[in-house]
Amino acid sequence: MKALQIFSKESLERSSKLSPQEILEWLEEYRSLIPISAFESELEEKAKLWKELARD
């Protein structure tokens, strides 16, 4: 599963006016909405690649 956020033009306009602190807060809130299971397959693939690279 991949997380996807679709932005409206209005949302993009509002986002362009956010301060760096507001952007960080938004990212943290968004991250907390996504279950870790959304990232598990990607993490497993990267771990496998890491192990293969470590053998070389």
Foldseek 3Di string as FASTA:
>chain_A
DADDDDDDPVRVVVVVPDDPVVVVVVVVVVVVVDDCVNCVVVVVVVVVVVVVVVVD
